[in-house]
């Protein structure tokens, strides 16, 4: 039941963001740019473990992974200039995946453990 509650609440936020974006791209962007999923993940993790060290580690990991996630928001609008939506989305996702792999590899080489 608890897993279902988590899934429904998280899904409701995504649905609300997409509906809001249909009405206003700015308001949709504001809602999506808020770290709502990160907040929910921290709440669920703390509720499940009551371990603030795990929540802190999650927060640091999220912070370290923000830079490669920005690749998506550059690649998608650039790809949409010359490709249809689905190929652009696929290309942006692929570029983001490559960016994550490269970023994690470099960060680990520098001695940080994500």
PDB file of N, CA and C in Angstrom:
ATOM      1  N   UNK A   1       0.828  -1.199   0.000  1.00  0.00           N
ATOM      2  CA  UNK A   1       0.000   0.000   0.000  1.00  0.00           C
ATOM      3  C   UNK A   1       0.871   1.261   0.000  1.00  0.00           C
ATOM      4  N   UNK A   2       1.961   1.223   0.794  1.00  0.00           N
ATOM      5  CA  UNK A   2       2.863   2.367   0.900  1.00  0.00           C
ATOM      6  C   UNK A   2       3.527   2.662  -0.450  1.00  0.00           C
ATOM      7  N   UNK A   3       3.967   1.614  -1.152  1.00  0.00           N
ATOM      8  CA  UNK A   3       4.582   1.781  -2.469  1.00  0.00           C
ATOM      9  C   UNK A   3       3.575   2.400  -3.442  1.00  0.00           C
ATOM     10  N   UNK A   4       2.348   1.981  -3.381  1.00  0.00           N
ATOM     11  CA  UNK A   4       1.306   2.536  -4.241  1.00  0.00           C
ATOM     12  C   UNK A   4       1.085   4.021  -3.932  1.00  0.00           C
ATOM     13  N   UNK A   5       1.073   4.387  -2.659  1.00  0.00           N
ATOM     14  CA  UNK A   5       0.921   5.789  -2.262  1.00  0.00           C
ATOM     15  C   UNK A   5       2.071   6.624  -2.823  1.00  0.00           C
ATOM     16  N   UNK A   6       3.303   6.119  -2.690  1.00  0.00           N
ATOM     17  CA  UNK A   6       4.460   6.848  -3.214  1.00  0.00           C
ATOM     18  C   UNK A   6       4.334   7.025  -4.724  1.00  0.00           C
ATOM     19  N   UNK A   7       3.957   5.983  -5.428  1.00  0.00           N
ATOM     20  CA  UNK A   7       3.837   6.045  -6.886  1.00  0.00           C
ATOM     21  C   UNK A   7       2.725   7.010  -7.299  1.00  0.00           C
ATOM     22  N   UNK A   8       1.591   6.964  -6.623  1.00  0.00           N
ATOM     23  CA  UNK A   8       0.472   7.846  -6.968  1.00  0.00           C
ATOM     24  C   UNK A   8       0.808   9.316  -6.722  1.00  0.00           C
ATOM     25  N   UNK A   9       1.432   9.609  -5.600  1.00  0.00           N
ATOM     26  CA  UNK A   9       1.789  10.994  -5.289  1.00  0.00           C
ATOM     27  C   UNK A   9       2.837  11.515  -6.275  1.00  0.00           C
ATOM     28  N   UNK A  10       3.844  10.721  -6.541  1.00  0.00           N
ATOM     29  CA  UNK A  10       4.891  11.126  -7.487  1.00  0.00           C
ATOM     30  C   UNK A  10       4.308  11.303  -8.885  1.00  0.00           C
ATOM     31  N   UNK A  11       3.464  10.389  -9.307  1.00  0.00           N
ATOM     32  CA  UNK A  11       2.828  10.489 -10.614  1.00  0.00           C
ATOM     33  C   UNK A  11       1.901  11.687 -10.714  1.00  0.00           C
ATOM     34  N   UNK A  12       1.208  12.000  -9.629  1.00  0.00           N
ATOM     35  CA  UNK A  12       0.308  13.157  -9.624  1.00  0.00           C
ATOM     36  C   UNK A  12       1.082  14.450  -9.847  1.00  0.00           C
ATOM     37  N   UNK A  13       2.276  14.533  -9.303  1.00  0.00           N
ATOM     38  CA  UNK A  13       3.099  15.730  -9.495  1.00  0.00           C
ATOM     39  C   UNK A  13       3.517  15.859 -10.953  1.00  0.00           C
ATOM     40  N   UNK A  14       3.918  14.757 -11.567  1.00  0.00           N
ATOM     41  CA  UNK A  14       4.304  14.780 -12.978  1.00  0.00           C
ATOM     42  C   UNK A  14       3.093  15.158 -13.845  1.00  0.00           C
ATOM     43  N   UNK A  15       1.937  14.581 -13.550  1.00  0.00           N
ATOM     44  CA  UNK A  15       0.722  14.896 -14.312  1.00  0.00           C
ATOM     45  C   UNK A  15       0.349  16.371 -14.149  1.00  0.00           C
ATOM     46  N   UNK A  16       0.455  16.884 -12.947  1.00  0.00           N
ATOM     47  CA  UNK A  16       0.139  18.299 -12.708  1.00  0.00           C
ATOM     48  C   UNK A  16       1.095  19.197 -13.479  1.00  0.00           C
ATOM     49  N   UNK A  17       2.357  18.834 -13.510  1.00  0.00           N
ATOM     50  CA  UNK A  17       3.345  19.645 -14.237  1.00  0.00           C
ATOM     51  C   UNK A  17       3.041  19.655 -15.728  1.00  0.00           C
ATOM     52  N   UNK A  18       2.674  18.513 -16.291  1.00  0.00           N
ATOM     53  CA  UNK A  18       2.400  18.478 -17.730  1.00  0.00           C
ATOM     54  C   UNK A  18       1.126  19.252 -18.053  1.00  0.00           C
ATOM     55  N   UNK A  19       0.127  19.186 -17.194  1.00  0.00           N
ATOM     56  CA  UNK A  19      -1.105  19.954 -17.415  1.00  0.00           C
ATOM     57  C   UNK A  19      -0.842  21.448 -17.292  1.00  0.00           C
ATOM     58  N   UNK A  20      -0.054  21.829 -16.314  1.00  0.00           N
ATOM     59  CA  UNK A  20       0.276  23.239 -16.134  1.00  0.00           C
ATOM     60  C   UNK A  20       1.092  23.751 -17.317  1.00  0.00           C
ATOM     61  N   UNK A  21       1.998  22.935 -17.844  1.00  0.00           N
ATOM     62  CA  UNK A  21       2.823  23.329 -18.987  1.00  0.00           C
ATOM     63  C   UNK A  21       1.969  23.561 -20.234  1.00  0.00           C
ATOM     64  N   UNK A  22       0.869  22.827 -20.358  1.00  0.00           N
ATOM     65  CA  UNK A  22      -0.031  23.046 -21.499  1.00  0.00           C
ATOM     66  C   UNK A  22      -0.649  24.434 -21.448  1.00  0.00           C
ATOM     67  N   UNK A  23      -0.869  24.925 -20.256  1.00  0.00           N
ATOM     68  CA  UNK A  23      -1.500  26.233 -20.089  1.00  0.00           C
ATOM     69  C   UNK A  23      -0.483  27.373 -20.102  1.00  0.00           C
ATOM     70  N   UNK A  24       0.688  27.112 -19.551  1.00  0.00           N
ATOM     71  CA  UNK A  24       1.728  28.144 -19.490  1.00  0.00           C
ATOM     72  C   UNK A  24       3.086  27.454 -19.426  1.00  0.00           C
ATOM     73  N   UNK A  25       3.895  27.662 -20.459  1.00  0.00           N
ATOM     74  CA  UNK A  25       5.209  27.020 -20.450  1.00  0.00           C
ATOM     75  C   UNK A  25       6.057  27.546 -19.293  1.00  0.00           C
ATOM     76  N   UNK A  26       5.888  28.812 -18.942  1.00  0.00           N
ATOM     77  CA  UNK A  26       6.658  29.371 -17.831  1.00  0.00           C
ATOM     78  C   UNK A  26       6.272  28.720 -16.510  1.00  0.00           C
ATOM     79  N   UNK A  27       4.965  28.649 -16.221  1.00  0.00           N
ATOM     80  CA  UNK A  27       4.534  28.040 -14.959  1.00  0.00           C
ATOM     81  C   UNK A  27       4.877  26.549 -14.921  1.00  0.00           C
ATOM     82  N   UNK A  28       4.719  25.876 -16.058  1.00  0.00           N
ATOM     83  CA  UNK A  28       5.107  24.468 -16.131  1.00  0.00           C
ATOM     84  C   UNK A  28       6.587  24.298 -15.868  1.00  0.00           C
ATOM     85  N   UNK A  29       7.396  25.180 -16.449  1.00  0.00           N
ATOM     86  CA  UNK A  29       8.845  25.111 -16.241  1.00  0.00           C
ATOM     87  C   UNK A  29       9.204  25.381 -14.785  1.00  0.00           C
ATOM     88  N   UNK A  30       8.523  26.340 -14.170  1.00  0.00           N
ATOM     89  CA  UNK A  30       8.794  26.624 -12.752  1.00  0.00           C
ATOM     90  C   UNK A  30       8.495  25.387 -11.902  1.00  0.00           C
ATOM     91  N   UNK A  31       7.350  24.768 -12.127  1.00  0.00           N
ATOM     92  CA  UNK A  31       6.988  23.592 -11.344  1.00  0.00           C
ATOM     93  C   UNK A  31       7.974  22.449 -11.567  1.00  0.00           C
ATOM     94  N   UNK A  32       8.330  22.222 -12.828  1.00  0.00           N
ATOM     95  CA  UNK A  32       9.241  21.117 -13.132  1.00  0.00           C
ATOM     96  C   UNK A  32      10.649  21.401 -12.629  1.00  0.00           C
ATOM     97  N   UNK A  33      11.058  22.670 -12.616  1.00  0.00           N
ATOM     98  CA  UNK A  33      12.418  22.989 -12.182  1.00  0.00           C
ATOM     99  C   UNK A  33      12.583  22.904 -10.663  1.00  0.00           C
ATOM    100  N   UNK A  34      11.480  22.935  -9.945  1.00  0.00           N
ATOM    101  CA  UNK A  34      11.581  22.755  -8.493  1.00  0.00           C
ATOM    102  C   UNK A  34      12.054  21.333  -8.203  1.00  0.00           C
ATOM    103  N   UNK A  35      12.833  21.164  -7.179  1.00  0.00           N
ATOM    104  CA  UNK A  35      13.346  19.813  -6.884  1.00  0.00           C
ATOM    105  C   UNK A  35      12.318  18.935  -6.169  1.00  0.00           C
ATOM    106  N   UNK A  36      11.088  18.911  -6.710  1.00  0.00           N
ATOM    107  CA  UNK A  36      10.014  18.165  -6.042  1.00  0.00           C
ATOM    108  C   UNK A  36      10.315  16.675  -5.941  1.00  0.00           C
ATOM    109  N   UNK A  37      10.831  16.085  -7.026  1.00  0.00           N
ATOM    110  CA  UNK A  37      11.133  14.656  -6.962  1.00  0.00           C
ATOM    111  C   UNK A  37      12.284  14.383  -5.997  1.00  0.00           C
ATOM    112  N   UNK A  38      13.238  15.301  -5.940  1.00  0.00           N
ATOM    113  CA  UNK A  38      14.331  15.143  -4.984  1.00  0.00           C
ATOM    114  C   UNK A  38      13.810  15.247  -3.548  1.00  0.00           C
ATOM    115  N   UNK A  39      12.906  16.182  -3.332  1.00  0.00           N
ATOM    116  CA  UNK A  39      12.308  16.323  -1.994  1.00  0.00           C
ATOM    117  C   UNK A  39      11.539  15.055  -1.640  1.00  0.00           C
ATOM    118  N   UNK A  40      10.726  14.571  -2.582  1.00  0.00           N
ATOM    119  CA  UNK A  40       9.978  13.334  -2.311  1.00  0.00           C
ATOM    120  C   UNK A  40      10.918  12.166  -2.045  1.00  0.00           C
ATOM    121  N   UNK A  41      11.971  12.047  -2.839  1.00  0.00           N
ATOM    122  CA  UNK A  41      12.925  10.951  -2.627  1.00  0.00           C
ATOM    123  C   UNK A  41      13.561  11.047  -1.244  1.00  0.00           C
ATOM    124  N   UNK A  42      13.904  12.264  -0.814  1.00  0.00           N
ATOM    125  CA  UNK A  42      14.488  12.448   0.516  1.00  0.00           C
ATOM    126  C   UNK A  42      13.478  12.080   1.604  1.00  0.00           C
ATOM    127  N   UNK A  43      12.240  12.500   1.418  1.00  0.00           N
ATOM    128  CA  UNK A  43      11.197  12.173   2.406  1.00  0.00           C
ATOM    129  C   UNK A  43      10.971  10.672   2.473  1.00  0.00           C
ATOM    130  N   UNK A  44      10.819  10.030   1.296  1.00  0.00           N
ATOM    131  CA  UNK A  44      10.587   8.581   1.283  1.00  0.00           C
ATOM    132  C   UNK A  44      11.781   7.842   1.892  1.00  0.00           C
ATOM    133  N   UNK A  45      13.009   8.260   1.540  1.00  0.00           N
ATOM    134  CA  UNK A  45      14.197   7.593   2.077  1.00  0.00           C
ATOM    135  C   UNK A  45      14.258   7.754   3.591  1.00  0.00           C
ATOM    136  N   UNK A  46      14.012   8.959   4.089  1.00  0.00           N
ATOM    137  CA  UNK A  46      14.052   9.171   5.530  1.00  0.00           C
ATOM    138  C   UNK A  46      12.951   8.384   6.237  1.00  0.00           C
ATOM    139  N   UNK A  47      11.758   8.403   5.656  1.00  0.00           N
ATOM    140  CA  UNK A  47      10.654   7.655   6.265  1.00  0.00           C
ATOM    141  C   UNK A  47      10.960   6.163   6.318  1.00  0.00           C
ATOM    142  N   UNK A  48      11.622   5.659   5.259  1.00  0.00           N
ATOM    143  CA  UNK A  48      11.934   4.230   5.210  1.00  0.00           C
ATOM    144  C   UNK A  48      13.103   3.841   6.109  1.00  0.00           C
ATOM    145  N   UNK A  49      14.092   4.738   6.260  1.00  0.00           N
ATOM    146  CA  UNK A  49      15.330   4.367   6.967  1.00  0.00           C
ATOM    147  C   UNK A  49      15.571   5.129   8.263  1.00  0.00           C
ATOM    148  N   UNK A  50      15.010   6.311   8.392  1.00  0.00           N
ATOM    149  CA  UNK A  50      15.293   7.221   9.513  1.00  0.00           C
ATOM    150  C   UNK A  50      16.797   7.475   9.650  1.00  0.00           C
ATOM    151  N   UNK A  51      17.478   7.469   8.517  1.00  0.00           N
ATOM    152  CA  UNK A  51      18.926   7.647   8.497  1.00  0.00           C
ATOM    153  C   UNK A  51      19.259   8.954   7.782  1.00  0.00           C
ATOM    154  N   UNK A  52      19.611   9.975   8.568  1.00  0.00           N
ATOM    155  CA  UNK A  52      19.909  11.269   7.959  1.00  0.00           C
ATOM    156  C   UNK A  52      21.203  11.233   7.148  1.00  0.00           C
ATOM    157  N   UNK A  53      22.116  10.333   7.470  1.00  0.00           N
ATOM    158  CA  UNK A  53      23.337  10.215   6.670  1.00  0.00           C
ATOM    159  C   UNK A  53      23.008   9.747   5.250  1.00  0.00           C
ATOM    160  N   UNK A  54      22.063   8.830   5.110  1.00  0.00           N
ATOM    161  CA  UNK A  54      21.654   8.371   3.782  1.00  0.00           C
ATOM    162  C   UNK A  54      20.976   9.494   3.003  1.00  0.00           C
ATOM    163  N   UNK A  55      20.167  10.294   3.691  1.00  0.00           N
ATOM    164  CA  UNK A  55      19.500  11.421   3.037  1.00  0.00           C
ATOM    165  C   UNK A  55      20.541  12.447   2.591  1.00  0.00           C
ATOM    166  N   UNK A  56      21.522  12.706   3.431  1.00  0.00           N
ATOM    167  CA  UNK A  56      22.587  13.647   3.067  1.00  0.00           C
ATOM    168  C   UNK A  56      23.384  13.122   1.876  1.00  0.00           C
ATOM    169  N   UNK A  57      23.690  11.832   1.876  1.00  0.00           N
ATOM    170  CA  UNK A  57      24.430  11.238   0.757  1.00  0.00           C
ATOM    171  C   UNK A  57      23.620  11.350  -0.539  1.00  0.00           C
ATOM    172  N   UNK A  58      22.325  11.112  -0.462  1.00  0.00           N
ATOM    173  CA  UNK A  58      21.463  11.264  -1.637  1.00  0.00           C
ATOM    174  C   UNK A  58      21.505  12.703  -2.141  1.00  0.00           C
ATOM    175  N   UNK A  59      21.412  13.647  -1.241  1.00  0.00           N
ATOM    176  CA  UNK A  59      21.426  15.058  -1.615  1.00  0.00           C
ATOM    177  C   UNK A  59      22.737  15.442  -2.301  1.00  0.00           C
ATOM    178  N   UNK A  60      23.866  15.005  -1.757  1.00  0.00           N
ATOM    179  CA  UNK A  60      25.157  15.289  -2.383  1.00  0.00           C
ATOM    180  C   UNK A  60      25.248  14.639  -3.762  1.00  0.00           C
ATOM    181  N   UNK A  61      24.760  13.417  -3.882  1.00  0.00           N
ATOM    182  CA  UNK A  61      24.797  12.731  -5.177  1.00  0.00           C
ATOM    183  C   UNK A  61      23.956  13.464  -6.213  1.00  0.00           C
ATOM    184  N   UNK A  62      22.787  13.936  -5.802  1.00  0.00           N
ATOM    185  CA  UNK A  62      21.935  14.700  -6.710  1.00  0.00           C
ATOM    186  C   UNK A  62      22.666  15.960  -7.164  1.00  0.00           C
ATOM    187  N   UNK A  63      23.288  16.662  -6.226  1.00  0.00           N
ATOM    188  CA  UNK A  63      24.015  17.882  -6.563  1.00  0.00           C
ATOM    189  C   UNK A  63      25.111  17.605  -7.589  1.00  0.00           C
ATOM    190  N   UNK A  64      25.875  16.534  -7.379  1.00  0.00           N
ATOM    191  CA  UNK A  64      26.953  16.185  -8.299  1.00  0.00           C
ATOM    192  C   UNK A  64      26.428  15.818  -9.688  1.00  0.00           C
ATOM    193  N   UNK A  65      25.192  15.371  -9.788  1.00  0.00           N
ATOM    194  CA  UNK A  65      24.662  14.920 -11.075  1.00  0.00           C
ATOM    195  C   UNK A  65      23.814  15.973 -11.803  1.00  0.00           C
ATOM    196  N   UNK A  66      23.741  17.161 -11.261  1.00  0.00           N
ATOM    197  CA  UNK A  66      23.016  18.222 -11.956  1.00  0.00           C
ATOM    198  C   UNK A  66      23.721  18.634 -13.255  1.00  0.00           C
ATOM    199  N   UNK A  67      25.045  18.845 -13.261  1.00  0.00           N
ATOM    200  CA  UNK A  67      25.682  19.293 -14.519  1.00  0.00           C
ATOM    201  C   UNK A  67      25.398  18.402 -15.735  1.00  0.00           C
ATOM    202  N   UNK A  68      25.547  17.074 -15.652  1.00  0.00           N
ATOM    203  CA  UNK A  68      25.261  16.304 -16.867  1.00  0.00           C
ATOM    204  C   UNK A  68      23.780  16.304 -17.242  1.00  0.00           C
ATOM    205  N   UNK A  69      22.896  16.527 -16.288  1.00  0.00           N
ATOM    206  CA  UNK A  69      21.468  16.564 -16.624  1.00  0.00           C
ATOM    207  C   UNK A  69      21.132  17.798 -17.462  1.00  0.00           C
ATOM    208  N   UNK A  70      21.930  18.843 -17.357  1.00  0.00           N
ATOM    209  CA  UNK A  70      21.681  20.055 -18.129  1.00  0.00           C
ATOM    210  C   UNK A  70      21.887  19.840 -19.623  1.00  0.00           C
ATOM    211  N   UNK A  71      22.645  18.813 -19.986  1.00  0.00           N
ATOM    212  CA  UNK A  71      22.862  18.505 -21.408  1.00  0.00           C
ATOM    213  C   UNK A  71      21.527  18.287 -22.116  1.00  0.00           C
ATOM    214  N   UNK A  72      20.587  17.643 -21.450  1.00  0.00           N
ATOM    215  CA  UNK A  72      19.276  17.389 -22.049  1.00  0.00           C
ATOM    216  C   UNK A  72      18.606  18.688 -22.479  1.00  0.00           C
ATOM    217  N   UNK A  73      18.675  19.705 -21.617  1.00  0.00           N
ATOM    218  CA  UNK A  73      17.963  20.950 -21.860  1.00  0.00           C
ATOM    219  C   UNK A  73      18.647  21.824 -22.910  1.00  0.00           C
ATOM    220  N   UNK A  74      19.876  21.482 -23.259  1.00  0.00           N
ATOM    221  CA  UNK A  74      20.555  22.128 -24.382  1.00  0.00           C
ATOM    222  C   UNK A  74      20.320  21.320 -25.651  1.00  0.00           C
ATOM    223  N   UNK A  75      20.458  20.008 -25.550  1.00  0.00           N
ATOM    224  CA  UNK A  75      20.362  19.142 -26.735  1.00  0.00           C
ATOM    225  C   UNK A  75      18.953  19.123 -27.334  1.00  0.00           C
ATOM    226  N   UNK A  76      17.924  19.087 -26.496  1.00  0.00           N
ATOM    227  CA  UNK A  76      16.557  18.979 -27.029  1.00  0.00           C
ATOM    228  C   UNK A  76      16.165  20.173 -27.899  1.00  0.00           C
ATOM    229  N   UNK A  77      16.263  21.406 -27.416  1.00  0.00           N
ATOM    230  CA  UNK A  77      15.854  22.512 -28.293  1.00  0.00           C
ATOM    231  C   UNK A  77      16.740  22.643 -29.531  1.00  0.00           C
ATOM    232  N   UNK A  78      18.027  22.317 -29.399  1.00  0.00           N
ATOM    233  CA  UNK A  78      18.899  22.366 -30.578  1.00  0.00           C
ATOM    234  C   UNK A  78      18.484  21.319 -31.608  1.00  0.00           C
ATOM    235  N   UNK A  79      18.186  20.111 -31.155  1.00  0.00           N
ATOM    236  CA  UNK A  79      17.774  19.045 -32.073  1.00  0.00           C
ATOM    237  C   UNK A  79      16.430  19.363 -32.719  1.00  0.00           C
ATOM    238  N   UNK A  80      15.539  20.004 -31.974  1.00  0.00           N
ATOM    239  CA  UNK A  80      14.215  20.324 -32.512  1.00  0.00           C
ATOM    240  C   UNK A  80      14.266  21.342 -33.652  1.00  0.00           C
ATOM    241  N   UNK A  81      15.383  22.019 -33.794  1.00  0.00           N
ATOM    242  CA  UNK A  81      15.529  22.960 -34.909  1.00  0.00           C
ATOM    243  C   UNK A  81      15.566  22.241 -36.255  1.00  0.00           C
ATOM    244  N   UNK A  82      16.015  20.978 -36.250  1.00  0.00           N
ATOM    245  CA  UNK A  82      16.162  20.295 -37.539  1.00  0.00           C
ATOM    246  C   UNK A  82      15.529  18.904 -37.578  1.00  0.00           C
ATOM    247  N   UNK A  83      15.065  18.403 -36.452  1.00  0.00           N
ATOM    248  CA  UNK A  83      14.463  17.068 -36.413  1.00  0.00           C
ATOM    249  C   UNK A  83      13.064  17.139 -35.832  1.00  0.00           C
ATOM    250  N   UNK A  84      12.268  16.096 -36.088  1.00  0.00           N
ATOM    251  CA  UNK A  84      10.953  15.987 -35.460  1.00  0.00           C
ATOM    252  C   UNK A  84      11.118  15.700 -33.974  1.00  0.00           C
ATOM    253  N   UNK A  85       9.992  15.717 -33.272  1.00  0.00           N
ATOM    254  CA  UNK A  85      10.029  15.577 -31.809  1.00  0.00           C
ATOM    255  C   UNK A  85      10.681  14.279 -31.347  1.00  0.00           C
ATOM    256  N   UNK A  86      10.205  13.129 -31.826  1.00  0.00           N
ATOM    257  CA  UNK A  86      10.686  11.850 -31.292  1.00  0.00           C
ATOM    258  C   UNK A  86      12.167  11.617 -31.544  1.00  0.00           C
ATOM    259  N   UNK A  87      12.672  11.868 -32.751  1.00  0.00           N
ATOM    260  CA  UNK A  87      14.127  11.736 -32.934  1.00  0.00           C
ATOM    261  C   UNK A  87      14.910  12.726 -32.066  1.00  0.00           C
ATOM    262  N   UNK A  88      14.374  13.928 -31.911  1.00  0.00           N
ATOM    263  CA  UNK A  88      15.038  14.928 -31.062  1.00  0.00           C
ATOM    264  C   UNK A  88      15.083  14.462 -29.616  1.00  0.00           C
ATOM    265  N   UNK A  89      13.964  13.928 -29.151  1.00  0.00           N
ATOM    266  CA  UNK A  89      13.919  13.425 -27.776  1.00  0.00           C
ATOM    267  C   UNK A  89      14.910  12.282 -27.592  1.00  0.00           C
ATOM    268  N   UNK A  90      14.941  11.368 -28.537  1.00  0.00           N
ATOM    269  CA  UNK A  90      15.881  10.257 -28.457  1.00  0.00           C
ATOM    270  C   UNK A  90      17.325  10.731 -28.458  1.00  0.00           C
ATOM    271  N   UNK A  91      17.632  11.677 -29.323  1.00  0.00           N
ATOM    272  CA  UNK A  91      18.983  12.222 -29.390  1.00  0.00           C
ATOM    273  C   UNK A  91      19.360  12.932 -28.087  1.00  0.00           C
ATOM    274  N   UNK A  92      18.432  13.719 -27.551  1.00  0.00           N
ATOM    275  CA  UNK A  92      18.693  14.428 -26.290  1.00  0.00           C
ATOM    276  C   UNK A  92      18.895  13.445 -25.145  1.00  0.00           C
ATOM    277  N   UNK A  93      18.098  12.387 -25.118  1.00  0.00           N
ATOM    278  CA  UNK A  93      18.268  11.359 -24.071  1.00  0.00           C
ATOM    279  C   UNK A  93      19.600  10.639 -24.220  1.00  0.00           C
ATOM    280  N   UNK A  94      19.970  10.311 -25.456  1.00  0.00           N
ATOM    281  CA  UNK A  94      21.251   9.640 -25.691  1.00  0.00           C
ATOM    282  C   UNK A  94      22.421  10.538 -25.297  1.00  0.00           C
ATOM    283  N   UNK A  95      22.347  11.813 -25.668  1.00  0.00           N
ATOM    284  CA  UNK A  95      23.405  12.761 -25.305  1.00  0.00           C
ATOM    285  C   UNK A  95      23.512  12.891 -23.789  1.00  0.00           C
ATOM    286  N   UNK A  96      22.375  12.884 -23.131  1.00  0.00           N
ATOM    287  CA  UNK A  96      22.369  12.982 -21.672  1.00  0.00           C
ATOM    288  C   UNK A  96      22.968  11.731 -21.042  1.00  0.00           C
ATOM    289  N   UNK A  97      22.637  10.561 -21.570  1.00  0.00           N
ATOM    290  CA  UNK A  97      23.205   9.315 -21.042  1.00  0.00           C
ATOM    291  C   UNK A  97      24.723   9.296 -21.199  1.00  0.00           C
ATOM    292  N   UNK A  98      25.207   9.716 -22.363  1.00  0.00           N
ATOM    293  CA  UNK A  98      26.659   9.781 -22.589  1.00  0.00           C
ATOM    294  C   UNK A  98      27.282  10.783 -21.621  1.00  0.00           C
ATOM    295  N   UNK A  99      26.609  11.901 -21.431  1.00  0.00           N
ATOM    296  CA  UNK A  99      27.099  12.930 -20.513  1.00  0.00           C
ATOM    297  C   UNK A  99      27.180  12.411 -19.074  1.00  0.00           C
ATOM    298  N   UNK A 100      26.153  11.668 -18.645  1.00  0.00           N
ATOM    299  CA  UNK A 100      26.183  11.079 -17.299  1.00  0.00           C
ATOM    300  C   UNK A 100      27.354  10.109 -17.159  1.00  0.00           C
ATOM    301  N   UNK A 101      27.522   9.228 -18.135  1.00  0.00           N
ATOM    302  CA  UNK A 101      28.599   8.240 -18.063  1.00  0.00           C
ATOM    303  C   UNK A 101      29.958   8.931 -18.003  1.00  0.00           C
ATOM    304  N   UNK A 102      30.161   9.928 -18.857  1.00  0.00           N
ATOM    305  CA  UNK A 102      31.439  10.642 -18.871  1.00  0.00           C
ATOM    306  C   UNK A 102      31.649  11.392 -17.557  1.00  0.00           C
ATOM    307  N   UNK A 103      30.610  12.054 -17.087  1.00  0.00           N
ATOM    308  CA  UNK A 103      30.710  12.840 -15.851  1.00  0.00           C
ATOM    309  C   UNK A 103      31.039  11.949 -14.655  1.00  0.00           C
ATOM    310  N   UNK A 104      30.319  10.856 -14.516  1.00  0.00           N
ATOM    311  CA  UNK A 104      30.569   9.941 -13.394  1.00  0.00           C
ATOM    312  C   UNK A 104      31.983   9.377 -13.484  1.00  0.00           C
ATOM    313  N   UNK A 105      32.414   9.028 -14.691  1.00  0.00           N
ATOM    314  CA  UNK A 105      33.775   8.521 -14.862  1.00  0.00           C
ATOM    315  C   UNK A 105      34.819   9.533 -14.434  1.00  0.00           C
ATOM    316  N   UNK A 106      34.659  10.777 -14.859  1.00  0.00           N
ATOM    317  CA  UNK A 106      35.619  11.829 -14.496  1.00  0.00           C
ATOM    318  C   UNK A 106      35.584  12.095 -12.990  1.00  0.00           C
ATOM    319  N   UNK A 107      34.392  12.181 -12.435  1.00  0.00           N
ATOM    320  CA  UNK A 107      34.270  12.452 -10.994  1.00  0.00           C
ATOM    321  C   UNK A 107      34.933  11.339 -10.187  1.00  0.00           C
ATOM    322  N   UNK A 108      34.744  10.095 -10.603  1.00  0.00           N
ATOM    323  CA  UNK A 108      35.373   8.970  -9.893  1.00  0.00           C
ATOM    324  C   UNK A 108      36.894   9.007 -10.050  1.00  0.00           C
ATOM    325  N   UNK A 109      37.370   9.386 -11.235  1.00  0.00           N
ATOM    326  CA  UNK A 109      38.831   9.515 -11.441  1.00  0.00           C
ATOM    327  C   UNK A 109      39.418  10.571 -10.525  1.00  0.00           C
ATOM    328  N   UNK A 110      38.629  11.584 -10.233  1.00  0.00           N
ATOM    329  CA  UNK A 110      39.081  12.644  -9.321  1.00  0.00           C
ATOM    330  C   UNK A 110      39.003  12.226  -7.850  1.00  0.00           C
ATOM    331  N   UNK A 111      38.501  11.023  -7.605  1.00  0.00           N
ATOM    332  CA  UNK A 111      38.496  10.494  -6.246  1.00  0.00           C
ATOM    333  C   UNK A 111      37.213  10.676  -5.464  1.00  0.00           C
ATOM    334  N   UNK A 112      36.155  11.127  -6.129  1.00  0.00           N
ATOM    335  CA  UNK A 112      34.884  11.274  -5.447  1.00  0.00           C
ATOM    336  C   UNK A 112      34.033  10.037  -5.675  1.00  0.00           C
ATOM    337  N   UNK A 113      33.343   9.611  -4.623  1.00  0.00           N
ATOM    338  CA  UNK A 113      32.489   8.429  -4.718  1.00  0.00           C
ATOM    339  C   UNK A 113      31.029   8.869  -4.736  1.00  0.00           C
ATOM    340  N   UNK A 114      30.401   8.617  -5.853  1.00  0.00           N
ATOM    341  CA  UNK A 114      28.983   8.957  -5.951  1.00  0.00           C
ATOM    342  C   UNK A 114      28.195   7.735  -5.561  1.00  0.00           C
TER     343      UNK A 114
END
